[in-house]
Amino acid sequence: MTRTDCLEALARLYEFLDGELDAADAAAVRHHMEVCAGCYPFLQFCGSFQDALHRAAKGQPAAPPELRQRIASLLRNEGLKPHNH
């Protein structure tokens, strides 16, 4: 991913926040988020939301890896579907 537009950056935002992107993709998403006035507030919101979830889950048992993989797969697939509004 060399140049990243808003749709690409937003689609990969949680992967970025979770540290799941390779160095080049993470740098592209980070750069876009830092320079795009429309996306930066969303990065701030999602980062804060993720921090709040981590604080709320502290001390809670972790979900089994199979469940985490299934949820991640469902979320990825949902992100690819067009929305009919």
N, C-alpha and C. Protein backbone atom coordinates (compact mmCIF):
# COMPACT_ATOMS: atom_id res chain seq x y z
N MET A 1 0.88 -1.16 0.00
CA MET A 1 0.00 0.00 0.00
C MET A 1 0.92 1.22 0.00
N THR A 2 1.02 1.93 -1.10
CA THR A 2 1.88 3.09 -1.13
C THR A 2 1.10 4.34 -0.78
N ARG A 3 0.13 4.68 -1.58
CA ARG A 3 -0.75 5.82 -1.28
C ARG A 3 -2.04 5.27 -0.72
N THR A 4 -2.51 5.86 0.31
CA THR A 4 -3.71 5.37 0.96
C THR A 4 -4.79 6.44 0.91
N ASP A 5 -5.98 6.04 0.42
CA ASP A 5 -7.09 6.99 0.44
C ASP A 5 -7.92 6.75 1.70
N CYS A 6 -8.93 7.57 1.89
CA CYS A 6 -9.74 7.50 3.11
C CYS A 6 -10.38 6.13 3.30
N LEU A 7 -10.95 5.56 2.25
CA LEU A 7 -11.62 4.27 2.39
C LEU A 7 -10.64 3.18 2.82
N GLU A 8 -9.47 3.16 2.20
CA GLU A 8 -8.47 2.16 2.57
C GLU A 8 -8.00 2.34 4.01
N ALA A 9 -7.72 3.59 4.37
CA ALA A 9 -7.23 3.86 5.72
C ALA A 9 -8.27 3.49 6.77
N LEU A 10 -9.51 3.85 6.54
CA LEU A 10 -10.56 3.55 7.51
C LEU A 10 -10.84 2.04 7.57
N ALA A 11 -10.75 1.36 6.43
CA ALA A 11 -10.98 -0.09 6.41
C ALA A 11 -9.91 -0.84 7.19
N ARG A 12 -8.71 -0.27 7.28
CA ARG A 12 -7.60 -0.95 7.95
C ARG A 12 -7.28 -0.35 9.31
N LEU A 13 -8.11 0.55 9.77
CA LEU A 13 -7.83 1.29 11.00
C LEU A 13 -7.65 0.38 12.21
N TYR A 14 -8.56 -0.58 12.41
CA TYR A 14 -8.44 -1.43 13.59
C TYR A 14 -7.25 -2.37 13.48
N GLU A 15 -6.92 -2.81 12.28
CA GLU A 15 -5.70 -3.60 12.10
C GLU A 15 -4.49 -2.75 12.49
N PHE A 16 -4.52 -1.48 12.10
CA PHE A 16 -3.44 -0.56 12.44
C PHE A 16 -3.36 -0.38 13.95
N LEU A 17 -4.48 -0.09 14.59
CA LEU A 17 -4.49 0.12 16.04
C LEU A 17 -4.07 -1.12 16.81
N ASP A 18 -4.36 -2.29 16.26
CA ASP A 18 -4.00 -3.55 16.93
C ASP A 18 -2.59 -4.01 16.59
N GLY A 19 -1.88 -3.25 15.74
CA GLY A 19 -0.51 -3.63 15.37
C GLY A 19 -0.43 -4.83 14.46
N GLU A 20 -1.48 -5.05 13.65
CA GLU A 20 -1.54 -6.24 12.81
C GLU A 20 -1.07 -6.00 11.38
N LEU A 21 -0.69 -4.78 11.03
CA LEU A 21 -0.24 -4.48 9.67
C LEU A 21 1.27 -4.59 9.59
N ASP A 22 1.76 -4.93 8.38
CA ASP A 22 3.21 -4.90 8.21
C ASP A 22 3.67 -3.45 8.24
N ALA A 23 4.97 -3.26 8.31
CA ALA A 23 5.54 -1.92 8.52
C ALA A 23 5.12 -0.94 7.43
N ALA A 24 5.12 -1.36 6.18
CA ALA A 24 4.78 -0.46 5.08
C ALA A 24 3.31 -0.04 5.13
N ASP A 25 2.43 -1.01 5.36
CA ASP A 25 1.00 -0.69 5.43
C ASP A 25 0.68 0.17 6.65
N ALA A 26 1.32 -0.13 7.78
CA ALA A 26 1.11 0.67 8.99
C ALA A 26 1.57 2.11 8.76
N ALA A 27 2.71 2.28 8.09
CA ALA A 27 3.22 3.62 7.81
C ALA A 27 2.27 4.38 6.89
N ALA A 28 1.70 3.69 5.91
CA ALA A 28 0.78 4.34 4.97
C ALA A 28 -0.50 4.78 5.69
N VAL A 29 -1.04 3.91 6.53
CA VAL A 29 -2.25 4.26 7.27
C VAL A 29 -1.94 5.40 8.25
N ARG A 30 -0.82 5.29 8.97
CA ARG A 30 -0.44 6.34 9.93
C ARG A 30 -0.29 7.69 9.21
N HIS A 31 0.40 7.68 8.07
CA HIS A 31 0.61 8.93 7.33
C HIS A 31 -0.73 9.53 6.91
N HIS A 32 -1.61 8.70 6.35
CA HIS A 32 -2.90 9.21 5.91
C HIS A 32 -3.67 9.81 7.09
N MET A 33 -3.70 9.09 8.20
CA MET A 33 -4.45 9.56 9.36
C MET A 33 -3.88 10.87 9.91
N GLU A 34 -2.57 11.03 9.82
CA GLU A 34 -1.94 12.25 10.35
C GLU A 34 -2.19 13.47 9.47
N VAL A 35 -2.37 13.26 8.16
CA VAL A 35 -2.51 14.41 7.26
C VAL A 35 -3.94 14.67 6.80
N CYS A 36 -4.85 13.72 7.02
CA CYS A 36 -6.22 13.87 6.54
C CYS A 36 -7.10 14.46 7.65
N ALA A 37 -7.56 15.67 7.43
CA ALA A 37 -8.40 16.34 8.44
C ALA A 37 -9.72 15.61 8.66
N GLY A 38 -10.20 14.87 7.66
CA GLY A 38 -11.45 14.14 7.81
C GLY A 38 -11.29 12.84 8.58
N CYS A 39 -10.14 12.19 8.45
CA CYS A 39 -9.93 10.90 9.09
C CYS A 39 -9.31 11.00 10.48
N TYR A 40 -8.52 12.02 10.72
CA TYR A 40 -7.81 12.13 12.00
C TYR A 40 -8.75 12.08 13.21
N PRO A 41 -9.87 12.81 13.21
CA PRO A 41 -10.77 12.72 14.37
C PRO A 41 -11.30 11.29 14.59
N PHE A 42 -11.51 10.55 13.51
CA PHE A 42 -11.99 9.18 13.65
C PHE A 42 -10.90 8.31 14.27
N LEU A 43 -9.64 8.53 13.89
CA LEU A 43 -8.52 7.82 14.51
C LEU A 43 -8.50 8.09 16.00
N GLN A 44 -8.66 9.35 16.39
CA GLN A 44 -8.67 9.72 17.80
C GLN A 44 -9.81 9.03 18.54
N PHE A 45 -11.01 9.05 17.94
CA PHE A 45 -12.17 8.41 18.56
C PHE A 45 -11.94 6.90 18.71
N CYS A 46 -11.52 6.24 17.66
CA CYS A 46 -11.33 4.79 17.70
C CYS A 46 -10.23 4.40 18.68
N GLY A 47 -9.16 5.18 18.72
CA GLY A 47 -8.10 4.91 19.68
C GLY A 47 -8.61 5.04 21.11
N SER A 48 -9.37 6.09 21.38
CA SER A 48 -9.94 6.29 22.72
C SER A 48 -10.93 5.19 23.07
N PHE A 49 -11.76 4.80 22.10
CA PHE A 49 -12.73 3.74 22.31
C PHE A 49 -12.02 2.42 22.62
N GLN A 50 -10.99 2.13 21.86
CA GLN A 50 -10.23 0.91 22.07
C GLN A 50 -9.56 0.92 23.45
N ASP A 51 -9.01 2.06 23.85
CA ASP A 51 -8.42 2.17 25.19
C ASP A 51 -9.47 1.92 26.27
N ALA A 52 -10.67 2.47 26.09
CA ALA A 52 -11.75 2.27 27.07
C ALA A 52 -12.13 0.79 27.15
N LEU A 53 -12.18 0.12 26.02
CA LEU A 53 -12.50 -1.31 26.02
C LEU A 53 -11.42 -2.10 26.76
N HIS A 54 -10.17 -1.74 26.53
CA HIS A 54 -9.07 -2.44 27.20
C HIS A 54 -9.15 -2.24 28.72
N ARG A 55 -9.46 -1.02 29.14
CA ARG A 55 -9.59 -0.75 30.58
C ARG A 55 -10.77 -1.53 31.16
N ALA A 56 -11.89 -1.57 30.43
CA ALA A 56 -13.08 -2.28 30.93
C ALA A 56 -12.85 -3.79 31.00
N ALA A 57 -12.03 -4.31 30.09
CA ALA A 57 -11.80 -5.75 30.04
C ALA A 57 -10.67 -6.21 30.95
N LYS A 58 -9.98 -5.27 31.57
CA LYS A 58 -8.84 -5.63 32.42
C LYS A 58 -9.31 -6.58 33.52
N GLY A 59 -8.62 -7.70 33.63
CA GLY A 59 -8.97 -8.69 34.64
C GLY A 59 -10.03 -9.68 34.20
N GLN A 60 -10.62 -9.48 33.03
CA GLN A 60 -11.62 -10.40 32.51
C GLN A 60 -10.92 -11.54 31.77
N PRO A 61 -11.49 -12.74 31.78
CA PRO A 61 -10.87 -13.83 31.02
C PRO A 61 -10.90 -13.53 29.53
N ALA A 62 -9.85 -13.92 28.83
CA ALA A 62 -9.76 -13.70 27.38
C ALA A 62 -10.63 -14.70 26.64
N ALA A 63 -11.12 -14.28 25.49
CA ALA A 63 -11.90 -15.19 24.64
C ALA A 63 -10.96 -16.24 24.05
N PRO A 64 -11.47 -17.44 23.82
CA PRO A 64 -10.64 -18.47 23.21
C PRO A 64 -10.18 -18.02 21.81
N PRO A 65 -9.00 -18.45 21.37
CA PRO A 65 -8.49 -18.04 20.05
C PRO A 65 -9.46 -18.33 18.91
N GLU A 66 -10.18 -19.44 18.99
CA GLU A 66 -11.12 -19.79 17.92
C GLU A 66 -12.22 -18.75 17.80
N LEU A 67 -12.72 -18.28 18.93
CA LEU A 67 -13.77 -17.26 18.93
C LEU A 67 -13.23 -15.95 18.38
N ARG A 68 -12.04 -15.57 18.80
CA ARG A 68 -11.43 -14.33 18.31
C ARG A 68 -11.25 -14.38 16.79
N GLN A 69 -10.79 -15.52 16.27
CA GLN A 69 -10.59 -15.67 14.81
C GLN A 69 -11.93 -15.60 14.07
N ARG A 70 -12.94 -16.23 14.63
CA ARG A 70 -14.25 -16.22 13.98
C ARG A 70 -14.83 -14.80 13.95
N ILE A 71 -14.73 -14.08 15.05
CA ILE A 71 -15.24 -12.71 15.10
C ILE A 71 -14.46 -11.83 14.13
N ALA A 72 -13.14 -11.96 14.10
CA ALA A 72 -12.33 -11.16 13.18
C ALA A 72 -12.71 -11.45 11.73
N SER A 73 -12.96 -12.71 11.41
CA SER A 73 -13.37 -13.08 10.06
C SER A 73 -14.72 -12.47 9.71
N LEU A 74 -15.66 -12.55 10.63
CA LEU A 74 -16.98 -11.97 10.40
C LEU A 74 -16.90 -10.46 10.20
N LEU A 75 -16.08 -9.80 10.99
CA LEU A 75 -15.93 -8.35 10.85
C LEU A 75 -15.29 -7.99 9.51
N ARG A 76 -14.27 -8.73 9.10
CA ARG A 76 -13.64 -8.48 7.80
C ARG A 76 -14.65 -8.67 6.67
N ASN A 77 -15.42 -9.74 6.73
CA ASN A 77 -16.41 -10.01 5.69
C ASN A 77 -17.50 -8.96 5.67
N GLU A 78 -17.92 -8.50 6.84
CA GLU A 78 -18.95 -7.46 6.93
C GLU A 78 -18.45 -6.17 6.31
N GLY A 79 -17.18 -5.86 6.50
CA GLY A 79 -16.61 -4.64 5.95
C GLY A 79 -16.56 -4.63 4.44
N LEU A 80 -16.60 -5.81 3.81
CA LEU A 80 -16.53 -5.90 2.35
C LEU A 80 -17.89 -5.84 1.70
N LYS A 81 -18.98 -6.00 2.46
CA LYS A 81 -20.31 -6.01 1.89
C LYS A 81 -20.80 -4.58 1.66
N PRO A 82 -21.44 -4.33 0.50
CA PRO A 82 -22.04 -3.00 0.31
C PRO A 82 -23.25 -2.86 1.22
N HIS A 83 -23.42 -1.66 1.75
CA HIS A 83 -24.56 -1.39 2.63
C HIS A 83 -25.71 -0.83 1.81
N ASN A 84 -26.89 -1.35 2.03
CA ASN A 84 -28.09 -0.87 1.34
C ASN A 84 -28.88 -0.01 2.30
N HIS A 85 -28.78 1.28 2.14
CA HIS A 85 -29.51 2.21 3.02
C HIS A 85 -30.55 2.93 2.23
